[in-house]
Structures are given as C-alpha cells and as structure tokens.
Amino acid sequence: MFTLAIIKPDAVGAGKTGQILAHLEQAGFKIRAARLVRLSTVQAEAFYEVHRARPFYRPLVRFMTSGPGLALALERDNAVAHLRVVIGATDPAEAQPGTVRQLYAESKERNAIHAADSPENAAREIAFFFPERELRELAAPGAS
C-alpha cells in the first residue's frame, strides 16, 4: 500500500530532511518516489482545497509556498495508518515521544511533515505530485 508525505518547507529549510527520511525508513517505509517541489499559490490552493472553508487555509497555503518541500510516495503494509502514527499529532506539544513531529516540528503550524489521512486521499495526493507512469516504472521488476 502507498501513501504520500511531504516534508514541509520548515523542515527542509532547517536541514532536517535527511533525519526525517531516515526516521521513515527505520519505520519500515520504502521511498518509491521523491520530488523536491516549490508549490505555487495555485498548486497549494488546489492541493489543500478540502480545507478551503477552514480558518487555517490561507496561512497554510502561504506556508506551503514559502519554500521547497519534499514530496514522497511511500510504501509499506497499512501505509496510511502507520504513517499517521509515525508522524504524531499535528501539534508537536501533543505528539508522542519519538514521532517525527515531536522530534522535528517547530509548532502546530510549522509541523515538519504532511501525511495523507485516508487511502482515497493518499491516491489523490500521490497523483498530484507523481504521474502514474513514474510510479509504474518504479514498481516494475528490475527498475532501478
């Protein structure tokens, strides 16, 4: 099963990308695709469309366009649910010890990593960043 994560601009800018990638791999995730992205306002608005009516939508769009992020297609059994556990609560002050957000996030708003919240959203979000052809090539036997 696949899921999507984005190492957010705060963590990329603070040089925490490698530590977060290592954390994800140690949690059993295989990185199947990765792309450094700098979202435009239009792209961030489209990606976070589901939150448009919420008060944090505009600040989230501004934050996600403030610098590069690293989009990741991750694979493992029960990937969506497992990643949600591995990254921890949105607010790092409430995140369990040893989770990505507890270790690397600055605040509830600058929380180091995004993770899809359902298998349906994971599929939609992966397709937003990675064309299906790329994922098929990566998953093909003998692909390197």
Protein backbone atom coordinates (compact mmCIF):
# COMPACT_ATOMS: atom_id res chain seq x y z
CA MET A 1 0.00 0.00 0.00
CA PHE A 2 1.18 3.52 -0.85
CA THR A 3 0.80 6.83 0.93
CA LEU A 4 2.01 10.37 0.44
CA ALA A 5 4.11 12.50 2.75
CA ILE A 6 5.53 15.97 2.23
CA ILE A 7 8.50 17.14 4.26
CA LYS A 8 7.36 20.74 4.65
CA PRO A 9 9.32 23.94 3.98
CA ASP A 10 10.16 24.48 7.67
CA ALA A 11 11.90 21.11 7.98
CA VAL A 12 13.62 21.36 4.58
CA GLY A 13 14.85 24.87 5.41
CA ALA A 14 16.13 23.75 8.81
CA GLY A 15 18.16 20.89 7.28
CA LYS A 16 16.05 18.13 8.83
CA THR A 17 15.15 16.34 5.59
CA GLY A 18 17.74 13.57 5.95
CA GLN A 19 16.80 12.88 9.56
CA ILE A 20 13.11 12.64 8.67
CA LEU A 21 13.82 10.36 5.69
CA ALA A 22 15.90 8.10 7.94
CA HIS A 23 13.11 8.07 10.53
CA LEU A 24 10.59 6.99 7.86
CA GLU A 25 12.87 4.25 6.55
CA GLN A 26 13.51 2.98 10.07
CA ALA A 27 9.72 2.79 10.49
CA GLY A 28 9.61 0.36 7.56
CA PHE A 29 8.66 2.68 4.71
CA LYS A 30 10.20 2.26 1.27
CA ILE A 31 10.65 5.50 -0.62
CA ARG A 32 9.19 4.79 -4.06
CA ALA A 33 9.34 8.33 -5.44
CA ALA A 34 10.64 11.68 -4.21
CA ARG A 35 10.46 15.13 -5.73
CA LEU A 36 11.67 18.47 -4.42
CA VAL A 37 8.82 20.87 -5.12
CA ARG A 38 8.20 24.57 -4.74
CA LEU A 39 4.42 24.90 -4.81
CA SER A 40 2.85 27.90 -6.48
CA THR A 41 -0.12 29.53 -4.79
CA VAL A 42 -2.45 27.92 -7.33
CA GLN A 43 -0.96 24.46 -6.69
CA ALA A 44 -1.12 24.82 -2.90
CA GLU A 45 -4.72 26.05 -3.11
CA ALA A 46 -5.64 23.04 -5.23
CA PHE A 47 -3.80 20.57 -3.02
CA TYR A 48 -5.43 21.87 0.18
CA GLU A 49 -8.84 22.56 -1.43
CA VAL A 50 -10.55 20.28 1.10
CA HIS A 51 -9.63 22.82 3.82
CA ARG A 52 -10.76 25.95 1.90
CA ALA A 53 -13.51 26.89 4.40
CA ARG A 54 -11.30 26.42 7.46
CA PRO A 55 -9.59 29.35 9.17
CA PHE A 56 -6.10 27.89 8.71
CA TYR A 57 -6.44 27.51 4.92
CA ARG A 58 -4.86 30.83 3.84
CA PRO A 59 -1.96 30.63 6.34
CA LEU A 60 -1.37 27.01 5.26
CA VAL A 61 -1.22 27.99 1.60
CA ARG A 62 1.23 30.83 2.41
CA PHE A 63 3.38 28.48 4.48
CA MET A 64 3.45 25.70 1.88
CA THR A 65 4.54 28.19 -0.80
CA SER A 66 7.25 29.76 1.39
CA GLY A 67 10.00 27.37 0.31
CA PRO A 68 10.69 23.96 -1.15
CA GLY A 69 9.18 20.78 0.23
CA LEU A 70 9.96 17.15 -0.49
CA ALA A 71 7.01 15.12 -1.78
CA LEU A 72 7.33 11.39 -1.11
CA ALA A 73 5.45 8.33 -2.32
CA LEU A 74 5.95 5.79 0.47
CA GLU A 75 5.15 2.09 0.55
CA ARG A 76 4.58 -0.44 3.32
CA ASP A 77 1.73 -2.51 4.75
CA ASN A 78 -1.04 -0.32 6.15
CA ALA A 79 0.93 2.70 4.96
CA VAL A 80 -1.63 5.45 5.58
CA ALA A 81 -2.48 4.49 9.15
CA HIS A 82 1.09 3.61 10.05
CA LEU A 83 2.46 6.92 8.76
CA ARG A 84 -0.10 8.84 10.82
CA VAL A 85 1.24 7.07 13.94
CA VAL A 86 4.89 7.60 12.97
CA ILE A 87 4.49 11.35 12.40
CA GLY A 88 2.42 12.02 15.54
CA ALA A 89 -0.17 14.64 16.41
CA THR A 90 -0.41 17.87 14.39
CA ASP A 91 0.70 19.84 17.45
CA PRO A 92 4.21 18.67 18.38
CA ALA A 93 3.46 19.51 22.04
CA GLU A 94 0.81 16.76 21.91
CA ALA A 95 2.80 14.29 19.78
CA GLN A 96 4.05 11.07 21.31
CA PRO A 97 7.78 10.87 22.11
CA GLY A 98 9.86 9.69 19.19
CA THR A 99 7.40 10.76 16.49
CA VAL A 100 8.52 12.92 13.58
CA ARG A 101 6.61 15.96 14.78
CA GLN A 102 7.71 15.62 18.39
CA LEU A 103 11.33 15.43 17.24
CA TYR A 104 11.44 17.89 14.33
CA ALA A 105 8.41 20.22 14.27
CA GLU A 106 8.54 23.83 15.46
CA SER A 107 4.84 24.36 16.18
CA LYS A 108 1.33 23.26 15.25
CA GLU A 109 1.53 25.46 12.15
CA ARG A 110 5.13 24.58 11.26
CA ASN A 111 4.85 20.87 11.90
CA ALA A 112 7.55 19.43 9.60
CA ILE A 113 5.51 16.90 7.64
CA HIS A 114 2.21 16.33 5.86
CA ALA A 115 0.67 12.87 5.59
CA ALA A 116 -2.40 11.69 3.71
CA ASP A 117 -5.28 10.92 6.07
CA SER A 118 -7.05 8.15 4.13
CA PRO A 119 -6.28 5.68 1.35
CA GLU A 120 -8.51 7.70 -1.00
CA ASN A 121 -6.68 10.95 -0.24
CA ALA A 122 -3.33 9.17 -0.49
CA ALA A 123 -4.16 8.09 -4.05
CA ARG A 124 -5.33 11.61 -4.98
CA GLU A 125 -2.29 13.26 -3.37
CA ILE A 126 0.24 10.87 -4.92
CA ALA A 127 -1.28 11.56 -8.35
CA PHE A 128 -0.95 15.31 -7.67
CA PHE A 129 2.86 15.01 -7.49
CA PHE A 130 3.75 11.83 -9.37
CA PRO A 131 2.39 10.79 -12.78
CA GLU A 132 1.14 7.21 -12.77
CA ARG A 133 3.75 6.30 -15.39
CA GLU A 134 6.57 7.21 -12.98
CA LEU A 135 5.13 5.07 -10.21
CA ARG A 136 4.62 2.10 -12.56
CA GLU A 137 8.24 2.38 -13.66
CA LEU A 138 9.45 2.49 -10.08
CA ALA A 139 7.34 -0.51 -9.07
CA ALA A 140 8.32 -2.60 -12.13
CA PRO A 141 10.56 -5.61 -11.51
CA GLY A 142 14.14 -4.73 -12.25
CA ALA A 143 13.54 -0.98 -12.02
CA SER A 144 16.47 0.91 -10.62
